[in-house]
Amino acid sequence: MLIQAAVSLFAASAVAAVSIRDRHGSIALRSSSSAIARQIHKCNKPPPPTVYFPLNFRYGSDQKITTDLAIPGTNKTMPVCFDQGSDTYWVLEPGAVFNWGSEQLGVPGNCNISATPVYEYLSSLDATDPVPFQYFNAYGGLSKIILGNATLEDTMTFTSVAGQRSTLSSIRTALANFITVRLPDFSGKCDATGMTYDVGIMGVAPYQNTSDYTTQGPNIRQQLLEQGTIKAPVMSLWMDKRPAGIEDTYTGGAIFGGIDLSKFTGPLVKVRSFKNSGGSVGYYIAPPTFSFQGKTIKASDSDSCFIDSGTRNDALPVAYEDQDAFFETTGLVMSPDGNTAWPGTCDSVPSDVTIDMRFPGSRNGTFVDVKIPLRNYVRWDAGEEGLCRLNIYLGGCTLAAPFSTAAFFAADDERGEVALAQGGISEAGSGPSEKAIVLRIP
């Protein structure tokens, strides 16, 4: 999701992982989450210190994985995108401006409104005075630009609709005072009715400080590591069981400093991943093979897939010339408006049919299967009669918010490891299981 520019510029089916000794040899399953948890319990070691963020995935056209940040001095919250695809944290400050009206990348438009909601830090007793800092961030190929000129630290409370709550002290964030997006003024009147935009993004991609690239702003996981609050630059992310209603909110959580072994089923497998280089930001892994009800989905050659909870649609690597075959294999259709869609109402999308992804493991001969229920892709009805829009794009390879609903994710930035398992199994509001947390990926 993130394209970092210079400041000077303006889930729920079984998972299988196998280790194949040779072409005709036996197949041995790796340890399951329950087996690992039993081993940890027997050791009777205290869990590592961790920091918890409750998460949501709401229904709507522009929704991603978020955590709700309490606004000081009010009983309200503001949704902050929990973004695996960027590496700095910002929130809108009082007086911030939202700008649109331009069709050109990186060029502000002629429409401005006062952004809302904003982080009312002046009402917090714990907030430090803002410190001058020139903040710049660009997303989506300069389609969204964030500017600010200060950072501060504050005690911040993060919540979810499941009632989970986590209060953290001395959290540093950039204060953004200007956000511009590439969006034409269709009305010609700068009408902002129904318009949505980010009011904060918590980038949780790895902190970098190399000759190629240095993280350009507050990185919470790095800050917690430097404070000694956590002992390793490790994180895990999961979502709970799918909610009952199509328009209900998915809930889940993430922890920094450890891996919660209770939030997945089957084995947790280290997958083939790629180290950031040349200024890249985020988590990149080897692409999986795709299938649907036992039938292979023809995918184009991709060097990697981008894991990005801050993007609303999964992008499957299906080339334009293979799209007809994709629709024939899956029974899905391309709608008149160009959406990948289910040929029926959203309520009729089956919950027991999955898009199956098999990821190569980091060790030769190993793999992990993650199954994403088709119903998990129903996050917004585009209003096309007789069709249900799905959060699926064809082309490229991005494992976005829908992927997160059924995939357990773990990363160890220090060791350069990423691991996946089948998620979407925990009860809503269950929170982390302290006894099942370990410091590193097993």
Protein backbone atom coordinates (compact mmCIF):
# COMPACT_ATOMS: atom_id res chain seq x y z
CA MET A 1 0.00 0.00 0.00
CA LEU A 2 2.79 2.40 0.85
CA ILE A 3 5.08 4.13 -1.62
CA GLN A 4 7.52 5.99 0.63
CA ALA A 5 8.88 9.18 -0.96
CA ALA A 6 11.62 11.56 0.17
CA VAL A 7 10.63 14.22 2.66
CA SER A 8 12.03 16.87 0.44
CA LEU A 9 9.42 16.08 -2.17
CA PHE A 10 6.15 17.69 -1.64
CA ALA A 11 -9.07 -18.44 8.45
CA ALA A 12 -11.68 -21.43 8.86
CA SER A 13 -10.51 -24.69 7.39
CA ALA A 14 -7.60 -27.01 8.16
CA VAL A 15 -4.07 -26.03 7.32
CA ALA A 16 -1.61 -28.60 6.07
CA ALA A 17 2.15 -28.33 6.10
CA VAL A 18 4.25 -31.21 4.94
CA SER A 19 7.88 -32.09 4.95
CA ILE A 20 8.63 -34.45 2.08
CA ARG A 21 11.75 -36.51 2.69
CA ASP A 22 11.97 -37.59 -0.93
CA ARG A 23 9.70 -38.12 -3.89
CA HIS A 24 8.55 -41.52 -2.64
CA GLY A 25 9.16 -41.00 1.09
CA SER A 26 6.78 -40.51 3.97
CA ILE A 27 4.99 -37.26 4.76
CA ALA A 28 5.21 -35.87 8.29
CA LEU A 29 2.92 -33.15 9.59
CA ARG A 30 4.52 -30.34 11.55
CA SER A 31 3.39 -29.66 15.12
CA SER A 32 -0.08 -28.19 15.44
CA SER A 33 -0.90 -25.08 17.46
CA SER A 34 -2.34 -27.15 20.30
CA ALA A 35 0.73 -29.40 20.45
CA ILE A 36 3.07 -26.41 20.56
CA ALA A 37 0.95 -24.75 23.24
CA ARG A 38 1.10 -27.93 25.37
CA GLN A 39 4.89 -27.98 25.07
CA ILE A 40 5.12 -24.33 26.10
CA HIS A 41 2.82 -24.96 29.07
CA LYS A 42 4.99 -27.86 30.25
CA CYS A 43 8.05 -25.61 30.24
CA ASN A 44 6.18 -23.32 32.67
CA LYS A 45 8.02 -20.28 31.33
CA PRO A 46 6.44 -16.87 31.90
CA PRO A 47 5.07 -15.32 28.71
CA PRO A 48 7.09 -12.54 27.10
CA PRO A 49 5.90 -8.95 27.59
CA THR A 50 3.58 -7.93 24.78
CA VAL A 51 1.45 -5.01 23.65
CA TYR A 52 -2.09 -5.65 22.37
CA PHE A 53 -4.19 -3.88 19.73
CA PRO A 54 -7.89 -4.82 19.35
CA LEU A 55 -8.91 -4.87 15.68
CA ASN A 56 -12.02 -4.37 13.53
CA PHE A 57 -12.93 -4.97 9.89
CA ARG A 58 -16.15 -3.10 9.25
CA TYR A 59 -18.58 -3.39 6.36
CA GLY A 60 -18.32 -0.65 3.77
CA SER A 61 -16.82 0.42 0.45
CA ASP A 62 -13.54 1.71 1.83
CA GLN A 63 -13.05 -0.40 4.96
CA LYS A 64 -9.78 -2.03 6.00
CA ILE A 65 -8.40 -3.54 9.21
CA THR A 66 -8.56 -0.84 11.90
CA THR A 67 -8.15 -0.23 15.60
CA ASP A 68 -10.37 2.38 17.27
CA LEU A 69 -8.38 5.13 19.01
CA ALA A 70 -10.08 6.92 21.90
CA ILE A 71 -10.22 10.69 21.37
CA PRO A 72 -9.08 12.55 24.52
CA GLY A 73 -11.73 14.62 26.28
CA THR A 74 -14.62 12.81 24.55
CA ASN A 75 -16.42 9.50 24.67
CA LYS A 76 -15.73 8.98 20.96
CA THR A 77 -13.17 7.04 18.95
CA MET A 78 -11.52 7.45 15.56
CA PRO A 79 -10.70 4.47 13.30
CA VAL A 80 -6.96 4.10 12.71
CA CYS A 81 -5.94 1.80 9.88
CA PHE A 82 -3.74 -1.04 11.15
CA ASP A 83 -1.50 -1.24 8.12
CA GLN A 84 1.01 -3.99 7.35
CA GLY A 85 1.90 -2.09 4.17
CA SER A 86 3.46 1.02 5.72
CA ASP A 87 5.89 1.72 8.54
CA THR A 88 4.96 4.97 10.31
CA TYR A 89 2.13 6.16 12.57
CA TRP A 90 0.14 9.36 12.07
CA VAL A 91 -3.19 10.82 13.14
CA LEU A 92 -5.00 13.97 12.04
CA GLU A 93 -4.59 16.89 14.44
CA PRO A 94 -7.14 19.65 15.19
CA GLY A 95 -7.43 22.02 12.26
CA ALA A 96 -6.34 19.41 9.70
CA VAL A 97 -7.58 19.85 6.14
CA PHE A 98 -8.87 17.20 3.74
CA ASN A 99 -8.25 18.09 0.08
CA TRP A 100 -9.55 16.63 -3.19
CA GLY A 101 -10.65 17.68 -6.66
CA SER A 102 -7.53 16.82 -8.70
CA GLU A 103 -7.20 14.09 -11.31
CA GLN A 104 -3.40 14.27 -11.23
CA LEU A 105 -1.10 12.28 -8.97
CA GLY A 106 0.58 14.32 -6.26
CA VAL A 107 -1.27 17.52 -7.17
CA PRO A 108 -3.72 19.05 -4.65
CA GLY A 109 -7.22 19.85 -5.87
CA ASN A 110 -9.42 22.89 -5.38
CA CYS A 111 -11.71 21.36 -2.73
CA ASN A 112 -10.99 21.64 1.01
CA ILE A 113 -12.92 20.79 4.16
CA SER A 114 -12.03 20.61 7.84
CA ALA A 115 -11.15 16.98 8.52
CA THR A 116 -13.03 15.06 11.17
CA PRO A 117 -12.64 13.24 13.49
CA VAL A 118 -9.25 14.41 14.72
CA TYR A 119 -7.04 13.54 17.70
CA GLU A 120 -7.77 16.14 20.41
CA TYR A 121 -4.42 15.91 22.16
CA LEU A 122 -4.89 19.25 23.93
CA SER A 123 -7.55 17.54 26.06
CA SER A 124 -5.14 14.84 27.23
CA LEU A 125 -3.35 15.24 30.56
CA ASP A 126 -0.53 12.96 29.38
CA ALA A 127 0.24 14.43 25.98
CA THR A 128 3.66 16.00 25.55
CA ASP A 129 4.11 19.29 23.75
CA PRO A 130 4.39 18.78 19.98
CA VAL A 131 7.97 18.54 18.72
CA PRO A 132 8.82 19.97 15.28
CA PHE A 133 9.11 17.21 12.66
CA GLN A 134 8.57 17.47 8.92
CA TYR A 135 6.34 14.49 8.11
CA PHE A 136 5.58 13.31 4.58
CA ASN A 137 3.95 10.09 3.47
CA ALA A 138 2.54 8.92 0.17
CA TYR A 139 0.31 5.94 -0.52
CA GLY A 140 -0.98 4.26 -3.66
CA GLY A 141 1.53 5.76 -6.10
CA LEU A 142 1.01 9.31 -4.76
CA SER A 143 -2.77 8.98 -4.93
CA LYS A 144 -2.85 9.92 -1.23
CA ILE A 145 -0.36 12.29 0.41
CA ILE A 146 -0.06 13.10 4.11
CA LEU A 147 1.76 16.16 5.48
CA GLY A 148 2.53 17.28 9.01
CA ASN A 149 5.08 19.30 10.95
CA ALA A 150 5.14 17.79 14.45
CA THR A 151 5.12 14.64 16.56
CA LEU A 152 4.05 14.05 20.14
CA GLU A 153 3.75 11.30 22.73
CA ASP A 154 0.61 10.44 24.64
CA THR A 155 -1.15 7.71 26.57
CA MET A 156 -3.45 6.15 24.00
CA THR A 157 -6.36 3.74 24.35
CA PHE A 158 -7.28 1.38 21.53
CA THR A 159 -10.61 -0.49 21.39
CA SER A 160 -12.75 -2.76 19.22
CA VAL A 161 -16.49 -3.27 18.82
CA ALA A 162 -16.09 -6.56 20.72
CA GLY A 163 -15.37 -4.58 23.89
CA GLN A 164 -11.62 -5.19 23.91
CA ARG A 165 -9.50 -2.36 25.27
CA SER A 166 -5.77 -1.65 25.52
CA THR A 167 -4.16 1.45 27.05
CA LEU A 168 -0.53 2.21 26.21
CA SER A 169 1.65 4.98 27.60
CA SER A 170 4.20 7.16 25.81
CA ILE A 171 3.10 6.31 22.28
CA ARG A 172 4.66 8.56 19.65
CA THR A 173 2.72 9.65 16.58
CA ALA A 174 3.09 12.17 13.79
CA LEU A 175 0.46 14.90 13.72
CA ALA A 176 -0.88 15.31 10.20
CA ASN A 177 -2.43 18.64 9.21
CA PHE A 178 -3.06 18.04 5.51
CA ILE A 179 -4.30 15.05 3.55
CA THR A 180 -4.88 15.17 -0.20
CA VAL A 181 -6.27 12.39 -2.37
CA ARG A 182 -6.51 11.99 -6.11
CA LEU A 183 -10.27 12.30 -6.52
CA PRO A 184 -12.03 14.44 -9.14
CA ASP A 185 -14.74 16.86 -8.03
CA PHE A 186 -17.57 15.08 -9.83
CA SER A 187 -20.23 17.51 -8.61
CA GLY A 188 -18.30 20.64 -9.56
CA LYS A 189 -19.44 22.02 -6.21
CA CYS A 190 -16.90 20.42 -3.87
CA ASP A 191 -19.72 18.40 -2.31
CA ALA A 192 -18.25 16.16 0.40
CA THR A 193 -21.48 14.27 1.19
CA GLY A 194 -20.73 10.61 1.87
CA MET A 195 -17.00 11.07 1.39
CA THR A 196 -14.68 8.87 3.44
CA TYR A 197 -10.96 9.19 4.09
CA ASP A 198 -8.31 7.95 6.49
CA VAL A 199 -7.99 9.90 9.74
CA GLY A 200 -5.02 7.90 10.97
CA ILE A 201 -2.77 5.07 9.83
CA MET A 202 -0.62 2.91 12.07
CA GLY A 203 2.05 1.44 9.83
CA VAL A 204 3.24 -1.86 11.32
CA ALA A 205 5.70 -2.89 8.62
CA PRO A 206 9.30 -3.52 9.72
CA TYR A 207 11.37 -0.58 10.89
CA GLN A 208 14.34 0.01 8.59
CA ASN A 209 17.62 1.85 8.99
CA THR A 210 19.86 0.86 6.08
CA SER A 211 21.82 2.47 3.28
CA ASP A 212 18.81 1.80 1.00
CA TYR A 213 16.11 3.29 3.19
CA THR A 214 15.35 4.62 6.66
CA THR A 215 11.87 4.70 8.18
CA GLN A 216 10.71 8.33 7.99
CA GLY A 217 8.57 8.78 11.09
CA PRO A 218 7.29 7.14 14.28
CA ASN A 219 7.30 3.33 14.19
CA ILE A 220 5.47 1.99 17.22
CA ARG A 221 7.05 -1.47 17.32
CA GLN A 222 10.55 0.01 17.15
CA GLN A 223 9.68 2.53 19.85
CA LEU A 224 8.37 -0.23 22.14
CA LEU A 225 11.53 -2.23 21.50
CA GLU A 226 13.80 0.71 22.33
CA GLN A 227 11.77 1.39 25.51
CA GLY A 228 12.20 -2.22 26.60
CA THR A 229 8.41 -2.70 26.63
CA ILE A 230 8.82 -5.67 24.26
CA LYS A 231 11.86 -7.92 23.90
CA ALA A 232 11.86 -8.62 20.16
CA PRO A 233 10.53 -6.96 16.96
CA VAL A 234 7.88 -9.65 16.57
CA MET A 235 4.17 -9.43 15.84
CA SER A 236 1.17 -11.66 15.26
CA LEU A 237 -2.23 -10.77 13.83
CA TRP A 238 -5.49 -12.69 13.76
CA MET A 239 -9.19 -12.18 13.22
CA ASP A 240 -11.95 -13.98 15.10
CA LYS A 241 -14.68 -16.19 13.69
CA ARG A 242 -16.79 -14.64 10.96
CA PRO A 243 -19.70 -12.63 12.44
CA ALA A 244 -23.24 -13.85 11.87
CA GLY A 245 -24.48 -11.07 9.62
CA ILE A 246 -23.17 -10.02 6.22
CA GLU A 247 -22.87 -6.40 7.38
CA ASP A 248 -21.53 -7.19 10.85
CA THR A 249 -18.00 -6.24 11.89
CA TYR A 250 -15.17 -8.74 12.04
CA THR A 251 -13.08 -8.47 15.20
CA GLY A 252 -9.64 -9.69 16.13
CA GLY A 253 -6.34 -8.51 17.48
CA ALA A 254 -2.61 -8.13 17.10
CA ILE A 255 0.22 -8.28 19.58
CA PHE A 256 3.72 -6.85 19.39
CA GLY A 257 6.47 -8.78 21.14
CA GLY A 258 5.10 -12.30 20.79
CA ILE A 259 3.13 -14.97 18.91
CA ASP A 260 -0.24 -16.13 20.28
CA LEU A 261 -0.38 -19.86 19.52
CA SER A 262 -4.07 -20.13 20.44
CA LYS A 263 -5.37 -18.12 17.47
CA PHE A 264 -4.94 -20.64 14.65
CA THR A 265 -5.67 -24.23 13.80
CA GLY A 266 -3.21 -26.74 12.42
CA PRO A 267 0.46 -25.91 11.95
CA LEU A 268 2.13 -22.53 11.82
CA VAL A 269 4.59 -22.61 8.93
CA LYS A 270 7.41 -20.24 8.04
CA VAL A 271 6.83 -19.28 4.42
CA ARG A 272 9.28 -18.13 1.79
CA SER A 273 9.68 -14.38 2.26
CA PHE A 274 11.84 -11.61 0.86
CA LYS A 275 13.96 -9.05 2.65
CA ASN A 276 13.17 -5.40 1.97
CA SER A 277 15.57 -3.81 -0.49
CA GLY A 278 15.78 -0.80 -2.75
CA GLY A 279 13.44 1.22 -0.56
CA SER A 280 10.62 -1.34 -0.45
CA VAL A 281 8.41 -1.33 2.64
CA GLY A 282 6.27 -4.13 4.06
CA TYR A 283 6.04 -7.92 3.97
CA TYR A 284 6.62 -9.76 0.69
CA ILE A 285 6.27 -13.53 0.36
CA ALA A 286 6.44 -16.07 -2.43
CA PRO A 287 3.09 -16.36 -4.26
CA PRO A 288 0.84 -19.33 -3.53
CA THR A 289 -0.92 -21.60 -5.94
CA PHE A 290 -4.67 -20.99 -6.07
CA SER A 291 -7.57 -23.42 -6.37
CA PHE A 292 -11.34 -23.42 -6.05
CA GLN A 293 -13.25 -26.56 -5.05
CA GLY A 294 -10.35 -28.70 -6.18
CA LYS A 295 -9.89 -26.95 -9.52
CA THR A 296 -6.67 -25.04 -10.18
CA ILE A 297 -6.95 -21.32 -10.83
CA LYS A 298 -4.48 -20.31 -13.51
CA ALA A 299 -2.27 -17.57 -12.12
CA SER A 300 0.25 -15.37 -13.88
CA ASP A 301 3.89 -15.45 -12.91
CA SER A 302 4.48 -13.19 -9.92
CA ASP A 303 7.75 -12.71 -8.10
CA SER A 304 6.01 -12.05 -4.79
CA CYS A 305 2.77 -11.24 -3.00
CA PHE A 306 2.33 -8.21 -0.75
CA ILE A 307 0.66 -8.77 2.64
CA ASP A 308 -1.34 -5.64 3.40
CA SER A 309 -4.12 -5.39 5.98
CA GLY A 310 -4.44 -1.72 5.02
CA THR A 311 -5.91 -2.50 1.58
CA ARG A 312 -9.58 -3.35 1.15
CA ASN A 313 -9.39 -5.86 -1.74
CA ASP A 314 -7.37 -9.01 -2.25
CA ALA A 315 -5.67 -8.91 -5.66
CA LEU A 316 -5.28 -12.33 -7.28
CA PRO A 317 -2.56 -12.73 -9.95
CA VAL A 318 -4.88 -13.55 -12.83
CA ALA A 319 -3.81 -12.07 -16.15
CA TYR A 320 -6.37 -10.33 -18.36
CA GLU A 321 -6.26 -13.12 -20.94
CA ASP A 322 -6.98 -15.69 -18.20
CA GLN A 323 -9.96 -13.93 -16.65
CA ASP A 324 -12.55 -15.89 -18.61
CA ALA A 325 -11.00 -19.11 -17.34
CA PHE A 326 -11.05 -17.73 -13.78
CA PHE A 327 -14.76 -16.97 -13.97
CA GLU A 328 -15.51 -20.36 -15.52
CA THR A 329 -13.55 -22.14 -12.76
CA THR A 330 -15.09 -20.22 -9.87
CA GLY A 331 -18.60 -19.54 -11.16
CA LEU A 332 -18.09 -15.85 -10.39
CA VAL A 333 -18.80 -13.13 -12.94
CA MET A 334 -17.54 -9.73 -14.00
CA SER A 335 -20.31 -7.22 -13.34
CA PRO A 336 -21.28 -4.44 -15.79
CA ASP A 337 -19.47 -2.02 -13.47
CA GLY A 338 -16.29 -4.09 -13.63
CA ASN A 339 -16.56 -5.74 -10.21
CA THR A 340 -15.77 -9.37 -9.45
CA ALA A 341 -19.16 -10.58 -8.27
CA TRP A 342 -21.22 -13.52 -7.08
CA PRO A 343 -24.19 -14.19 -9.42
CA GLY A 344 -26.86 -13.73 -6.77
CA THR A 345 -27.68 -11.81 -3.62
CA CYS A 346 -25.04 -11.31 -0.97
CA ASP A 347 -27.04 -13.47 1.45
CA SER A 348 -26.75 -16.34 -1.02
CA VAL A 349 -22.93 -16.34 -1.10
CA PRO A 350 -21.94 -19.71 0.42
CA SER A 351 -19.90 -19.82 3.62
CA ASP A 352 -18.51 -23.32 3.04
CA VAL A 353 -16.86 -22.59 -0.33
CA THR A 354 -13.31 -21.27 -0.19
CA ILE A 355 -10.55 -19.84 -2.32
CA ASP A 356 -7.63 -22.09 -1.41
CA MET A 357 -4.06 -20.82 -1.31
CA ARG A 358 -1.00 -23.06 -0.92
CA PHE A 359 2.14 -21.16 0.09
CA PRO A 360 5.65 -22.59 -0.28
CA GLY A 361 7.49 -22.94 3.01
CA SER A 362 10.90 -21.50 3.72
CA ARG A 363 12.27 -25.04 3.91
CA ASN A 364 12.30 -27.03 0.70
CA GLY A 365 9.38 -29.44 0.44
CA THR A 366 7.16 -27.64 2.95
CA PHE A 367 3.99 -25.69 2.39
CA VAL A 368 0.95 -24.32 4.18
CA ASP A 369 -2.66 -24.19 2.99
CA VAL A 370 -4.86 -21.23 3.88
CA LYS A 371 -8.53 -21.23 2.86
CA ILE A 372 -10.50 -17.99 2.57
CA PRO A 373 -14.28 -18.49 2.62
CA LEU A 374 -15.96 -16.80 -0.34
CA ARG A 375 -18.41 -15.17 2.05
CA ASN A 376 -15.53 -13.32 3.74
CA TYR A 377 -15.13 -11.31 0.54
CA VAL A 378 -18.59 -9.80 0.94
CA ARG A 379 -17.78 -6.41 2.46
CA TRP A 380 -19.84 -4.00 0.37
CA ASP A 381 -22.88 -4.36 -1.90
CA ALA A 382 -22.31 -2.16 -4.95
CA GLY A 383 -26.05 -2.08 -5.67
CA GLU A 384 -25.93 -4.01 -8.95
CA GLU A 385 -29.22 -5.91 -9.15
CA GLY A 386 -28.87 -9.68 -8.92
CA LEU A 387 -25.15 -9.50 -8.19
CA CYS A 388 -23.02 -9.30 -5.04
CA ARG A 389 -19.73 -7.45 -5.31
CA LEU A 390 -16.73 -9.25 -3.79
CA ASN A 391 -13.55 -7.64 -2.47
CA ILE A 392 -11.46 -9.31 -5.18
CA TYR A 393 -9.40 -7.68 -7.89
CA LEU A 394 -7.78 -9.60 -10.73
CA GLY A 395 -4.18 -8.73 -11.49
CA GLY A 396 -1.18 -8.29 -9.22
CA CYS A 397 -0.87 -10.14 -5.94
CA THR A 398 -1.97 -8.45 -2.71
CA LEU A 399 -3.19 -10.36 0.33
CA ALA A 400 -5.27 -7.67 1.94
CA ALA A 401 -7.96 -7.24 4.59
CA PRO A 402 -10.16 -10.15 3.36
CA PHE A 403 -7.14 -12.46 3.52
CA SER A 404 -6.58 -11.37 7.11
CA THR A 405 -10.06 -12.59 8.10
CA ALA A 406 -8.99 -16.23 7.72
CA ALA A 407 -5.18 -16.21 7.83
CA PHE A 408 -3.12 -16.07 11.01
CA PHE A 409 -0.01 -13.95 10.42
CA ALA A 410 3.25 -13.92 12.35
CA ALA A 411 6.48 -12.03 11.66
CA ASP A 412 9.90 -11.81 13.25
CA ASP A 413 11.56 -8.73 11.77
CA GLU A 414 14.91 -9.41 13.39
CA ARG A 415 15.20 -12.87 11.83
CA GLY A 416 13.41 -11.96 8.61
CA GLU A 417 10.72 -14.60 9.11
CA VAL A 418 7.04 -14.66 8.14
CA ALA A 419 4.71 -17.50 9.10
CA LEU A 420 1.11 -18.30 8.19
CA ALA A 421 -1.60 -20.60 9.48
CA GLN A 422 -5.35 -21.03 9.18
CA GLY A 423 -7.00 -18.39 11.34
CA GLY A 424 -10.52 -17.18 11.93
CA ILE A 425 -11.12 -19.62 14.80
CA SER A 426 -11.20 -17.54 17.99
CA GLU A 427 -14.33 -16.23 19.66
CA ALA A 428 -15.14 -12.54 19.28
CA GLY A 429 -13.83 -10.57 22.21
CA SER A 430 -11.58 -13.36 23.47
CA GLY A 431 -8.38 -11.28 23.31
CA PRO A 432 -4.87 -12.71 23.61
CA SER A 433 -4.30 -15.93 25.55
CA GLU A 434 -1.36 -15.10 27.80
CA LYS A 435 -0.44 -18.73 28.49
CA ALA A 436 -0.17 -19.43 24.74
CA ILE A 437 2.17 -16.56 23.86
CA VAL A 438 5.80 -17.23 22.90
CA LEU A 439 8.56 -14.79 21.99
CA ARG A 440 9.54 -16.21 18.60
CA ILE A 441 7.93 -18.15 15.77
CA PRO A 442 8.30 -21.85 16.73
